[in-house]
Amino acid sequence: MEDTILIVDDSPYIVDGLVALLKRKGFNPLATHGGDEALALLATVKPDLILLDIMMEPMDGWETLDRLKANPETKDLPVLMFSAKKITPEEAQQHCLNIEDFVSKPVNPTQLLEAIKQIFARRRDVKAESQVAKDAGVDSALIEEYAALRKSIDVDTNLLCVLKKACGMNNVGRAAPAEDLAAIEKLESKIRTDEQRLKEINEKHHVRTEES
């Protein structure tokens, strides 16, 4: 069965290009041209993934995301954000828990498809691992924590790369703003803490399957 991917972007040119790309790769793309249109469609359709642009009018991507996550019917749908707008440290900290990944525009088809592949693979792995742990009698709260950590580490690691690029840390001779460096250091610390906790869960409770 084809995975259904909802595209949300107010640029018809970008929407048409993404529809064509995803169709060629065997997905079932659904096109919408703004947050309001996407939210209306989600009342009747539940896609496997949402590609959500940030810079839209009148409702931008962050507001659309907040409304998605506030609705019990759509809060668990995975969202991949993409935009030409440079994501700020504040945005990363505020929204990282609600997204699966972030891809910068102009969208590189290979990068986008790889991000989609990783999202679906991680969700399948976590679902399988969680079921094995449940069957083994592992506490449900611990299983939920494990799943959240798996996602959080992946998302934060990707956002960290985006933030470093946005503030020019990889450019020789360019000094990054102090507030950006502080946000990056905070995110790096969070990733290390999450990785340590995930390791503890794996070692003590064997949530992860042997095959993975």
N, C-alpha and C. Protein backbone atom coordinates (compact mmCIF):
# COMPACT_ATOMS: atom_id res chain seq x y z
N MET A 1 0.83 -1.20 0.00
CA MET A 1 0.00 0.00 0.00
C MET A 1 0.86 1.25 0.00
N GLU A 2 0.52 2.23 -0.83
CA GLU A 2 1.30 3.45 -0.94
C GLU A 2 1.17 4.30 0.33
N ASP A 3 2.28 4.88 0.77
CA ASP A 3 2.23 5.83 1.87
C ASP A 3 1.68 7.15 1.35
N THR A 4 0.73 7.73 2.06
CA THR A 4 0.12 8.99 1.67
C THR A 4 0.86 10.14 2.34
N ILE A 5 1.28 11.12 1.54
CA ILE A 5 2.02 12.27 2.05
C ILE A 5 1.27 13.54 1.68
N LEU A 6 0.90 14.32 2.69
CA LEU A 6 0.20 15.58 2.48
C LEU A 6 1.22 16.70 2.34
N ILE A 7 1.14 17.45 1.25
CA ILE A 7 2.02 18.59 1.00
C ILE A 7 1.28 19.87 1.34
N VAL A 8 1.90 20.72 2.15
CA VAL A 8 1.28 21.99 2.54
C VAL A 8 2.24 23.12 2.22
N ASP A 9 1.94 23.87 1.16
CA ASP A 9 2.80 24.97 0.72
C ASP A 9 1.95 25.93 -0.09
N ASP A 10 2.15 27.24 0.09
CA ASP A 10 1.33 28.21 -0.64
C ASP A 10 1.90 28.55 -2.01
N SER A 11 2.98 27.85 -2.42
CA SER A 11 3.54 28.04 -3.76
C SER A 11 3.08 26.91 -4.67
N PRO A 12 2.21 27.19 -5.65
CA PRO A 12 1.75 26.14 -6.58
C PRO A 12 2.91 25.47 -7.31
N TYR A 13 3.96 26.23 -7.61
CA TYR A 13 5.12 25.69 -8.32
C TYR A 13 5.79 24.60 -7.48
N ILE A 14 6.00 24.88 -6.20
CA ILE A 14 6.65 23.91 -5.33
C ILE A 14 5.75 22.70 -5.10
N VAL A 15 4.46 22.95 -4.87
CA VAL A 15 3.52 21.85 -4.66
C VAL A 15 3.50 20.92 -5.86
N ASP A 16 3.41 21.48 -7.06
CA ASP A 16 3.38 20.65 -8.27
C ASP A 16 4.67 19.84 -8.42
N GLY A 17 5.80 20.46 -8.11
CA GLY A 17 7.07 19.74 -8.21
C GLY A 17 7.16 18.60 -7.22
N LEU A 18 6.71 18.82 -6.00
CA LEU A 18 6.75 17.77 -4.99
C LEU A 18 5.77 16.65 -5.30
N VAL A 19 4.61 17.00 -5.82
CA VAL A 19 3.63 15.97 -6.22
C VAL A 19 4.25 15.06 -7.27
N ALA A 20 4.89 15.66 -8.29
CA ALA A 20 5.50 14.87 -9.36
C ALA A 20 6.63 13.99 -8.82
N LEU A 21 7.46 14.55 -7.95
CA LEU A 21 8.58 13.79 -7.38
C LEU A 21 8.09 12.61 -6.56
N LEU A 22 7.13 12.86 -5.68
CA LEU A 22 6.64 11.79 -4.80
C LEU A 22 5.90 10.70 -5.57
N LYS A 23 5.17 11.09 -6.60
CA LYS A 23 4.49 10.09 -7.44
C LYS A 23 5.50 9.17 -8.10
N ARG A 24 6.59 9.75 -8.62
CA ARG A 24 7.63 8.94 -9.29
C ARG A 24 8.25 7.94 -8.32
N LYS A 25 8.28 8.29 -7.04
CA LYS A 25 8.92 7.42 -6.05
C LYS A 25 7.93 6.48 -5.35
N GLY A 26 6.72 6.42 -5.87
CA GLY A 26 5.77 5.43 -5.37
C GLY A 26 4.90 5.86 -4.21
N PHE A 27 4.90 7.16 -3.89
CA PHE A 27 4.05 7.65 -2.81
C PHE A 27 2.72 8.15 -3.38
N ASN A 28 1.78 8.36 -2.49
CA ASN A 28 0.48 8.94 -2.87
C ASN A 28 0.42 10.36 -2.32
N PRO A 29 0.82 11.38 -3.11
CA PRO A 29 0.85 12.75 -2.61
C PRO A 29 -0.51 13.42 -2.67
N LEU A 30 -0.82 14.21 -1.64
CA LEU A 30 -2.02 15.04 -1.62
C LEU A 30 -1.57 16.49 -1.55
N ALA A 31 -2.13 17.33 -2.39
CA ALA A 31 -1.70 18.72 -2.49
C ALA A 31 -2.66 19.67 -1.80
N THR A 32 -2.12 20.54 -0.94
CA THR A 32 -2.88 21.65 -0.38
C THR A 32 -2.01 22.89 -0.46
N HIS A 33 -2.66 24.06 -0.48
CA HIS A 33 -1.93 25.30 -0.75
C HIS A 33 -2.00 26.29 0.40
N GLY A 34 -2.03 25.78 1.61
CA GLY A 34 -2.03 26.64 2.78
C GLY A 34 -2.51 25.89 4.01
N GLY A 35 -2.29 26.51 5.18
CA GLY A 35 -2.65 25.85 6.42
C GLY A 35 -4.13 25.58 6.57
N ASP A 36 -4.96 26.56 6.21
CA ASP A 36 -6.41 26.38 6.34
C ASP A 36 -6.91 25.23 5.48
N GLU A 37 -6.42 25.17 4.25
CA GLU A 37 -6.84 24.10 3.34
C GLU A 37 -6.39 22.74 3.86
N ALA A 38 -5.17 22.68 4.40
CA ALA A 38 -4.65 21.42 4.93
C ALA A 38 -5.46 20.96 6.14
N LEU A 39 -5.76 21.87 7.06
CA LEU A 39 -6.51 21.51 8.25
C LEU A 39 -7.92 21.04 7.90
N ALA A 40 -8.51 21.66 6.88
CA ALA A 40 -9.84 21.23 6.45
C ALA A 40 -9.80 19.82 5.88
N LEU A 41 -8.77 19.53 5.08
CA LEU A 41 -8.64 18.20 4.48
C LEU A 41 -8.39 17.14 5.56
N LEU A 42 -7.64 17.50 6.60
CA LEU A 42 -7.31 16.54 7.64
C LEU A 42 -8.52 16.14 8.48
N ALA A 43 -9.63 16.82 8.30
CA ALA A 43 -10.86 16.41 8.98
C ALA A 43 -11.39 15.10 8.43
N THR A 44 -10.99 14.76 7.19
CA THR A 44 -11.49 13.54 6.55
C THR A 44 -10.38 12.59 6.10
N VAL A 45 -9.15 13.08 6.02
CA VAL A 45 -8.03 12.26 5.54
C VAL A 45 -6.91 12.27 6.56
N LYS A 46 -6.31 11.10 6.82
CA LYS A 46 -5.19 11.00 7.76
C LYS A 46 -3.97 10.45 7.00
N PRO A 47 -3.10 11.34 6.53
CA PRO A 47 -1.92 10.90 5.78
C PRO A 47 -0.89 10.22 6.67
N ASP A 48 0.06 9.56 6.05
CA ASP A 48 1.13 8.91 6.79
C ASP A 48 2.23 9.90 7.18
N LEU A 49 2.29 11.04 6.47
CA LEU A 49 3.29 12.07 6.74
C LEU A 49 2.80 13.39 6.16
N ILE A 50 3.17 14.49 6.83
CA ILE A 50 2.83 15.82 6.35
C ILE A 50 4.11 16.59 6.06
N LEU A 51 4.24 17.12 4.84
CA LEU A 51 5.34 18.02 4.49
C LEU A 51 4.80 19.44 4.64
N LEU A 52 5.33 20.18 5.59
CA LEU A 52 4.75 21.48 5.95
C LEU A 52 5.76 22.60 5.80
N ASP A 53 5.43 23.56 4.93
CA ASP A 53 6.29 24.73 4.74
C ASP A 53 6.09 25.71 5.89
N ILE A 54 7.13 26.45 6.23
CA ILE A 54 7.04 27.43 7.31
C ILE A 54 6.49 28.77 6.81
N MET A 55 7.05 29.27 5.70
CA MET A 55 6.70 30.61 5.23
C MET A 55 5.46 30.57 4.34
N MET A 56 4.30 30.70 4.98
CA MET A 56 3.03 30.72 4.25
C MET A 56 2.18 31.86 4.78
N GLU A 57 1.23 32.28 3.98
CA GLU A 57 0.27 33.31 4.39
C GLU A 57 -1.13 32.83 4.05
N PRO A 58 -2.14 33.23 4.84
CA PRO A 58 -2.05 34.05 6.05
C PRO A 58 -1.62 33.26 7.29
N MET A 59 -1.75 31.95 7.28
CA MET A 59 -1.34 31.12 8.41
C MET A 59 0.00 30.47 8.09
N ASP A 60 1.02 30.78 8.90
CA ASP A 60 2.33 30.20 8.60
C ASP A 60 2.43 28.76 9.09
N GLY A 61 3.56 28.14 8.80
CA GLY A 61 3.71 26.73 9.13
C GLY A 61 3.73 26.43 10.61
N TRP A 62 4.32 27.33 11.41
CA TRP A 62 4.37 27.10 12.85
C TRP A 62 2.98 27.12 13.46
N GLU A 63 2.14 28.08 13.03
CA GLU A 63 0.78 28.13 13.54
C GLU A 63 -0.01 26.90 13.10
N THR A 64 0.19 26.50 11.85
CA THR A 64 -0.46 25.29 11.35
C THR A 64 -0.05 24.08 12.17
N LEU A 65 1.24 23.98 12.48
CA LEU A 65 1.75 22.88 13.29
C LEU A 65 1.11 22.89 14.68
N ASP A 66 1.05 24.07 15.29
CA ASP A 66 0.45 24.16 16.63
C ASP A 66 -1.00 23.70 16.62
N ARG A 67 -1.74 24.05 15.59
CA ARG A 67 -3.15 23.66 15.51
C ARG A 67 -3.28 22.16 15.24
N LEU A 68 -2.36 21.61 14.47
CA LEU A 68 -2.34 20.16 14.24
C LEU A 68 -2.15 19.41 15.55
N LYS A 69 -1.17 19.85 16.32
CA LYS A 69 -0.82 19.15 17.55
C LYS A 69 -1.83 19.40 18.67
N ALA A 70 -2.62 20.45 18.56
CA ALA A 70 -3.64 20.73 19.57
C ALA A 70 -4.91 19.92 19.35
N ASN A 71 -5.04 19.33 18.17
CA ASN A 71 -6.22 18.54 17.83
C ASN A 71 -5.96 17.06 18.12
N PRO A 72 -6.74 16.45 19.00
CA PRO A 72 -6.53 15.03 19.32
C PRO A 72 -6.58 14.12 18.11
N GLU A 73 -7.31 14.52 17.07
CA GLU A 73 -7.45 13.69 15.88
C GLU A 73 -6.21 13.74 14.98
N THR A 74 -5.38 14.77 15.11
CA THR A 74 -4.23 14.92 14.21
C THR A 74 -2.90 15.05 14.95
N LYS A 75 -2.92 15.06 16.29
CA LYS A 75 -1.71 15.35 17.04
C LYS A 75 -0.59 14.33 16.85
N ASP A 76 -0.95 13.09 16.47
CA ASP A 76 0.07 12.05 16.32
C ASP A 76 0.58 11.91 14.89
N LEU A 77 0.07 12.72 13.97
CA LEU A 77 0.55 12.64 12.59
C LEU A 77 1.97 13.19 12.49
N PRO A 78 2.88 12.47 11.86
CA PRO A 78 4.26 12.96 11.75
C PRO A 78 4.36 14.13 10.77
N VAL A 79 5.18 15.12 11.14
CA VAL A 79 5.33 16.33 10.33
C VAL A 79 6.80 16.58 10.02
N LEU A 80 7.09 16.77 8.74
CA LEU A 80 8.42 17.17 8.29
C LEU A 80 8.32 18.62 7.83
N MET A 81 9.04 19.52 8.51
CA MET A 81 9.02 20.93 8.14
C MET A 81 10.06 21.20 7.06
N PHE A 82 9.73 22.12 6.15
CA PHE A 82 10.72 22.54 5.17
C PHE A 82 10.50 24.00 4.83
N SER A 83 11.60 24.72 4.58
CA SER A 83 11.46 26.15 4.33
C SER A 83 12.77 26.76 3.87
N ALA A 84 12.67 27.88 3.13
CA ALA A 84 13.83 28.67 2.78
C ALA A 84 14.24 29.55 3.95
N LYS A 85 13.33 29.76 4.89
CA LYS A 85 13.60 30.56 6.07
C LYS A 85 14.57 29.83 6.99
N LYS A 86 15.57 30.54 7.46
CA LYS A 86 16.51 29.94 8.40
C LYS A 86 15.82 29.76 9.74
N ILE A 87 15.84 28.55 10.24
CA ILE A 87 15.22 28.29 11.53
C ILE A 87 16.08 28.90 12.64
N THR A 88 15.44 29.53 13.60
CA THR A 88 16.17 30.17 14.69
C THR A 88 16.31 29.20 15.87
N PRO A 89 17.29 29.46 16.77
CA PRO A 89 17.41 28.62 17.96
C PRO A 89 16.13 28.58 18.78
N GLU A 90 15.43 29.71 18.85
CA GLU A 90 14.18 29.76 19.61
C GLU A 90 13.12 28.85 18.98
N GLU A 91 13.03 28.88 17.66
CA GLU A 91 12.06 28.03 16.97
C GLU A 91 12.42 26.56 17.15
N ALA A 92 13.71 26.26 17.08
CA ALA A 92 14.15 24.87 17.27
C ALA A 92 13.76 24.35 18.64
N GLN A 93 14.00 25.17 19.67
CA GLN A 93 13.68 24.75 21.03
C GLN A 93 12.18 24.62 21.23
N GLN A 94 11.41 25.51 20.63
CA GLN A 94 9.96 25.54 20.85
C GLN A 94 9.24 24.40 20.13
N HIS A 95 9.72 24.04 18.93
CA HIS A 95 8.95 23.13 18.09
C HIS A 95 9.58 21.76 17.88
N CYS A 96 10.79 21.52 18.40
CA CYS A 96 11.48 20.27 18.09
C CYS A 96 10.70 19.04 18.52
N LEU A 97 9.92 19.15 19.58
CA LEU A 97 9.17 17.98 20.06
C LEU A 97 8.01 17.61 19.15
N ASN A 98 7.60 18.55 18.29
CA ASN A 98 6.41 18.32 17.46
C ASN A 98 6.72 17.99 16.01
N ILE A 99 7.99 17.92 15.64
CA ILE A 99 8.32 17.61 14.25
C ILE A 99 9.22 16.38 14.17
N GLU A 100 9.27 15.81 12.98
CA GLU A 100 10.10 14.61 12.76
C GLU A 100 11.44 14.97 12.11
N ASP A 101 11.47 16.10 11.40
CA ASP A 101 12.71 16.50 10.73
C ASP A 101 12.50 17.89 10.14
N PHE A 102 13.60 18.49 9.66
CA PHE A 102 13.56 19.79 9.01
C PHE A 102 14.47 19.74 7.79
N VAL A 103 13.95 20.18 6.65
CA VAL A 103 14.71 20.21 5.40
C VAL A 103 14.67 21.63 4.85
N SER A 104 15.83 22.15 4.45
CA SER A 104 15.91 23.51 3.94
C SER A 104 15.58 23.58 2.46
N LYS A 105 14.96 24.69 2.04
CA LYS A 105 14.77 25.00 0.63
C LYS A 105 16.01 25.74 0.12
N PRO A 106 16.31 25.70 -1.18
CA PRO A 106 15.59 24.89 -2.16
C PRO A 106 15.72 23.41 -1.86
N VAL A 107 14.61 22.69 -1.99
CA VAL A 107 14.57 21.29 -1.60
C VAL A 107 15.40 20.44 -2.54
N ASN A 108 16.37 19.75 -1.97
CA ASN A 108 17.16 18.79 -2.73
C ASN A 108 16.39 17.48 -2.74
N PRO A 109 15.97 16.99 -3.92
CA PRO A 109 15.15 15.78 -3.97
C PRO A 109 15.75 14.60 -3.23
N THR A 110 17.05 14.40 -3.38
CA THR A 110 17.70 13.28 -2.71
C THR A 110 17.63 13.43 -1.19
N GLN A 111 17.91 14.65 -0.70
CA GLN A 111 17.86 14.92 0.74
C GLN A 111 16.44 14.74 1.28
N LEU A 112 15.46 15.23 0.54
CA LEU A 112 14.07 15.12 0.99
C LEU A 112 13.64 13.66 1.05
N LEU A 113 13.93 12.91 0.02
CA LEU A 113 13.53 11.50 -0.02
C LEU A 113 14.23 10.71 1.08
N GLU A 114 15.48 11.05 1.36
CA GLU A 114 16.21 10.36 2.43
C GLU A 114 15.59 10.68 3.78
N ALA A 115 15.18 11.95 3.97
CA ALA A 115 14.53 12.33 5.23
C ALA A 115 13.21 11.58 5.40
N ILE A 116 12.44 11.48 4.33
CA ILE A 116 11.17 10.75 4.39
C ILE A 116 11.42 9.28 4.70
N LYS A 117 12.40 8.71 4.04
CA LYS A 117 12.74 7.30 4.28
C LYS A 117 13.14 7.07 5.73
N GLN A 118 13.93 7.97 6.30
CA GLN A 118 14.38 7.81 7.69
C GLN A 118 13.22 7.94 8.67
N ILE A 119 12.29 8.85 8.39
CA ILE A 119 11.14 9.02 9.27
C ILE A 119 10.30 7.75 9.31
N PHE A 120 9.99 7.22 8.13
CA PHE A 120 9.18 6.01 8.08
C PHE A 120 9.92 4.83 8.71
N ALA A 121 11.23 4.73 8.47
CA ALA A 121 12.01 3.63 9.02
C ALA A 121 12.05 3.71 10.55
N ARG A 122 12.27 4.91 11.08
CA ARG A 122 12.33 5.06 12.53
C ARG A 122 10.99 4.71 13.17
N ARG A 123 9.90 5.16 12.58
CA ARG A 123 8.59 4.88 13.15
C ARG A 123 8.27 3.38 13.12
N ARG A 124 8.67 2.70 12.03
CA ARG A 124 8.46 1.24 11.95
C ARG A 124 9.30 0.52 13.00
N ASP A 125 10.57 0.95 13.14
CA ASP A 125 11.47 0.31 14.10
C ASP A 125 10.95 0.48 15.53
N VAL A 126 10.57 1.72 15.85
CA VAL A 126 10.10 1.99 17.21
C VAL A 126 8.82 1.21 17.51
N LYS A 127 7.93 1.12 16.54
CA LYS A 127 6.70 0.36 16.74
C LYS A 127 7.00 -1.11 17.01
N ALA A 128 7.91 -1.69 16.21
CA ALA A 128 8.26 -3.10 16.39
C ALA A 128 8.97 -3.33 17.73
N GLU A 129 9.91 -2.44 18.06
CA GLU A 129 10.65 -2.57 19.30
C GLU A 129 9.73 -2.42 20.52
N SER A 130 8.79 -1.48 20.41
CA SER A 130 7.85 -1.25 21.51
C SER A 130 6.95 -2.46 21.73
N GLN A 131 6.54 -3.12 20.65
CA GLN A 131 5.69 -4.29 20.78
C GLN A 131 6.45 -5.44 21.44
N VAL A 132 7.71 -5.62 21.05
CA VAL A 132 8.54 -6.66 21.67
C VAL A 132 8.69 -6.38 23.16
N ALA A 133 8.95 -5.13 23.51
CA ALA A 133 9.10 -4.76 24.91
C ALA A 133 7.80 -4.97 25.68
N LYS A 134 6.68 -4.61 25.06
CA LYS A 134 5.38 -4.79 25.71
C LYS A 134 5.12 -6.27 25.96
N ASP A 135 5.42 -7.11 24.97
CA ASP A 135 5.23 -8.55 25.12
C ASP A 135 6.12 -9.12 26.22
N ALA A 136 7.27 -8.45 26.43
CA ALA A 136 8.20 -8.92 27.46
C ALA A 136 7.86 -8.38 28.84
N GLY A 137 6.81 -7.57 28.92
CA GLY A 137 6.36 -7.07 30.21
C GLY A 137 7.00 -5.78 30.66
N VAL A 138 7.68 -5.08 29.76
CA VAL A 138 8.29 -3.79 30.12
C VAL A 138 7.18 -2.77 30.37
N ASP A 139 7.37 -1.93 31.38
CA ASP A 139 6.37 -0.94 31.76
C ASP A 139 6.04 -0.02 30.59
N SER A 140 4.75 0.26 30.39
CA SER A 140 4.31 1.05 29.26
C SER A 140 4.88 2.47 29.27
N ALA A 141 5.03 3.06 30.45
CA ALA A 141 5.60 4.41 30.56
C ALA A 141 7.05 4.42 30.08
N LEU A 142 7.76 3.37 30.38
CA LEU A 142 9.16 3.27 29.94
C LEU A 142 9.23 3.09 28.42
N ILE A 143 8.31 2.33 27.87
CA ILE A 143 8.28 2.14 26.42
C ILE A 143 8.00 3.47 25.73
N GLU A 144 7.07 4.26 26.28
CA GLU A 144 6.77 5.57 25.71
C GLU A 144 7.98 6.50 25.80
N GLU A 145 8.69 6.44 26.92
CA GLU A 145 9.89 7.27 27.07
C GLU A 145 10.95 6.88 26.04
N TYR A 146 11.10 5.58 25.85
CA TYR A 146 12.08 5.08 24.87
C TYR A 146 11.75 5.60 23.47
N ALA A 147 10.47 5.49 23.07
CA ALA A 147 10.07 5.94 21.75
C ALA A 147 10.29 7.44 21.58
N ALA A 148 9.98 8.20 22.62
CA ALA A 148 10.17 9.66 22.56
C ALA A 148 11.64 10.01 22.45
N LEU A 149 12.50 9.27 23.15
CA LEU A 149 13.93 9.54 23.09
C LEU A 149 14.50 9.23 21.71
N ARG A 150 14.06 8.12 21.11
CA ARG A 150 14.54 7.77 19.77
C ARG A 150 14.26 8.90 18.79
N LYS A 151 13.04 9.41 18.84
CA LYS A 151 12.67 10.51 17.95
C LYS A 151 13.41 11.79 18.30
N SER A 152 13.45 12.13 19.57
CA SER A 152 14.05 13.38 20.01
C SER A 152 15.52 13.48 19.61
N ILE A 153 16.26 12.41 19.77
CA ILE A 153 17.68 12.43 19.43
C ILE A 153 17.88 12.66 17.93
N ASP A 154 17.09 11.97 17.11
CA ASP A 154 17.21 12.14 15.66
C ASP A 154 16.86 13.57 15.24
N VAL A 155 15.74 14.08 15.75
CA VAL A 155 15.30 15.43 15.37
C VAL A 155 16.29 16.48 15.85
N ASP A 156 16.72 16.37 17.10
CA ASP A 156 17.65 17.36 17.66
C ASP A 156 18.99 17.34 16.93
N THR A 157 19.45 16.15 16.55
CA THR A 157 20.72 16.06 15.82
C THR A 157 20.62 16.75 14.47
N ASN A 158 19.50 16.55 13.77
CA ASN A 158 19.31 17.22 12.49
C ASN A 158 19.17 18.73 12.66
N LEU A 159 18.43 19.16 13.68
CA LEU A 159 18.28 20.59 13.93
C LEU A 159 19.61 21.23 14.31
N LEU A 160 20.43 20.49 15.01
CA LEU A 160 21.74 21.00 15.40
C LEU A 160 22.57 21.33 14.16
N CYS A 161 22.53 20.45 13.18
CA CYS A 161 23.26 20.70 11.93
C CYS A 161 22.71 21.93 11.22
N VAL A 162 21.38 22.07 11.22
CA VAL A 162 20.75 23.22 10.58
C VAL A 162 21.15 24.52 11.27
N LEU A 163 21.14 24.52 12.61
CA LEU A 163 21.49 25.72 13.37
C LEU A 163 22.95 26.11 13.16
N LYS A 164 23.84 25.13 13.15
CA LYS A 164 25.26 25.41 12.94
C LYS A 164 25.48 26.04 11.56
N LYS A 165 24.78 25.52 10.58
CA LYS A 165 24.92 26.07 9.23
C LYS A 165 24.34 27.48 9.15
N ALA A 166 23.19 27.69 9.81
CA ALA A 166 22.51 28.99 9.76
C ALA A 166 23.34 30.10 10.40
N CYS A 167 24.05 29.77 11.49
CA CYS A 167 24.82 30.81 12.18
C CYS A 167 26.26 30.91 11.67
N GLY A 168 26.60 30.07 10.68
CA GLY A 168 27.92 30.17 10.05
C GLY A 168 29.05 29.54 10.81
N MET A 169 28.75 28.58 11.69
CA MET A 169 29.82 27.95 12.47
C MET A 169 30.81 27.20 11.60
N ASN A 170 30.34 26.76 10.43
CA ASN A 170 31.22 25.99 9.55
C ASN A 170 32.05 26.87 8.62
N ASN A 171 31.85 28.19 8.71
CA ASN A 171 32.58 29.13 7.86
C ASN A 171 33.84 29.60 8.59
N VAL A 172 34.98 29.35 7.99
CA VAL A 172 36.25 29.73 8.59
C VAL A 172 36.33 31.25 8.71
N GLY A 173 36.70 31.72 9.90
CA GLY A 173 36.88 33.15 10.11
C GLY A 173 35.62 33.90 10.45
N ARG A 174 34.48 33.23 10.51
CA ARG A 174 33.22 33.90 10.85
C ARG A 174 32.84 33.56 12.28
N ALA A 175 32.60 34.59 13.08
CA ALA A 175 32.22 34.39 14.48
C ALA A 175 30.71 34.32 14.60
N ALA A 176 30.22 33.27 15.18
CA ALA A 176 28.78 33.10 15.37
C ALA A 176 28.32 33.95 16.54
N PRO A 177 27.09 34.48 16.49
CA PRO A 177 26.54 35.27 17.61
C PRO A 177 26.55 34.47 18.89
N ALA A 178 26.80 35.16 20.01
CA ALA A 178 26.91 34.49 21.30
C ALA A 178 25.62 33.76 21.67
N GLU A 179 24.46 34.38 21.37
CA GLU A 179 23.19 33.73 21.72
C GLU A 179 22.97 32.46 20.92
N ASP A 180 23.43 32.43 19.67
CA ASP A 180 23.32 31.23 18.85
C ASP A 180 24.23 30.13 19.39
N LEU A 181 25.44 30.51 19.79
CA LEU A 181 26.37 29.52 20.34
C LEU A 181 25.82 28.93 21.64
N ALA A 182 25.17 29.77 22.44
CA ALA A 182 24.59 29.28 23.70
C ALA A 182 23.46 28.30 23.43
N ALA A 183 22.63 28.60 22.43
CA ALA A 183 21.52 27.71 22.07
C ALA A 183 22.05 26.39 21.53
N ILE A 184 23.10 26.46 20.73
CA ILE A 184 23.69 25.25 20.16
C ILE A 184 24.30 24.38 21.26
N GLU A 185 24.98 25.03 22.20
CA GLU A 185 25.57 24.28 23.32
C GLU A 185 24.49 23.62 24.16
N LYS A 186 23.39 24.32 24.36
CA LYS A 186 22.27 23.77 25.13
C LYS A 186 21.68 22.56 24.42
N LEU A 187 21.54 22.64 23.09
CA LEU A 187 20.99 21.53 22.33
C LEU A 187 21.94 20.34 22.34
N GLU A 188 23.23 20.60 22.23
CA GLU A 188 24.22 19.53 22.29
C GLU A 188 24.16 18.82 23.64
N SER A 189 23.99 19.59 24.71
CA SER A 189 23.89 19.00 26.04
C SER A 189 22.64 18.14 26.17
N LYS A 190 21.54 18.60 25.60
CA LYS A 190 20.30 17.83 25.64
C LYS A 190 20.46 16.52 24.89
N ILE A 191 21.11 16.54 23.74
CA ILE A 191 21.33 15.32 22.96
C ILE A 191 22.16 14.32 23.77
N ARG A 192 23.22 14.80 24.41
CA ARG A 192 24.06 13.90 25.21
C ARG A 192 23.27 13.28 26.37
N THR A 193 22.44 14.09 27.01
CA THR A 193 21.62 13.58 28.12
C THR A 193 20.63 12.54 27.64
N ASP A 194 19.98 12.82 26.51
CA ASP A 194 19.00 11.87 25.96
C ASP A 194 19.69 10.58 25.53
N GLU A 195 20.86 10.68 24.93
CA GLU A 195 21.59 9.48 24.50
C GLU A 195 21.98 8.62 25.70
N GLN A 196 22.37 9.27 26.78
CA GLN A 196 22.73 8.52 27.99
C GLN A 196 21.52 7.81 28.57
N ARG A 197 20.39 8.50 28.60
CA ARG A 197 19.17 7.89 29.13
C ARG A 197 18.71 6.73 28.25
N LEU A 198 18.81 6.89 26.93
CA LEU A 198 18.43 5.82 26.01
C LEU A 198 19.32 4.60 26.23
N LYS A 199 20.60 4.84 26.44
CA LYS A 199 21.54 3.74 26.69
C LYS A 199 21.16 3.01 27.97
N GLU A 200 20.77 3.76 29.00
CA GLU A 200 20.37 3.14 30.26
C GLU A 200 19.14 2.25 30.09
N ILE A 201 18.17 2.74 29.32
CA ILE A 201 16.96 1.95 29.08
C ILE A 201 17.29 0.67 28.33
N ASN A 202 18.14 0.78 27.31
CA ASN A 202 18.52 -0.40 26.53
C ASN A 202 19.24 -1.43 27.39
N GLU A 203 20.15 -0.95 28.24
CA GLU A 203 20.96 -1.87 29.04
C GLU A 203 20.16 -2.53 30.16
N LYS A 204 19.28 -1.77 30.79
CA LYS A 204 18.56 -2.27 31.95
C LYS A 204 17.28 -3.02 31.60
N HIS A 205 16.62 -2.58 30.52
CA HIS A 205 15.30 -3.13 30.24
C HIS A 205 15.19 -3.81 28.88
N HIS A 206 16.24 -3.71 28.06
CA HIS A 206 16.27 -4.40 26.76
C HIS A 206 15.01 -4.10 25.93
N VAL A 207 14.69 -2.82 25.83
CA VAL A 207 13.55 -2.43 25.01
C VAL A 207 13.83 -2.69 23.54
N ARG A 208 15.07 -2.48 23.14
CA ARG A 208 15.43 -2.63 21.74
C ARG A 208 15.46 -4.09 21.35
N THR A 209 15.02 -4.41 20.14
CA THR A 209 15.03 -5.79 19.67
C THR A 209 16.46 -6.23 19.33
N GLU A 210 16.71 -7.52 19.38
CA GLU A 210 18.04 -8.04 19.07
C GLU A 210 18.43 -7.74 17.64
N GLU A 211 17.44 -7.80 16.72
CA GLU A 211 17.74 -7.58 15.30
C GLU A 211 18.19 -6.16 15.03
N SER A 212 17.70 -5.18 15.84
CA SER A 212 18.03 -3.79 15.59
C SER A 212 19.27 -3.38 16.38
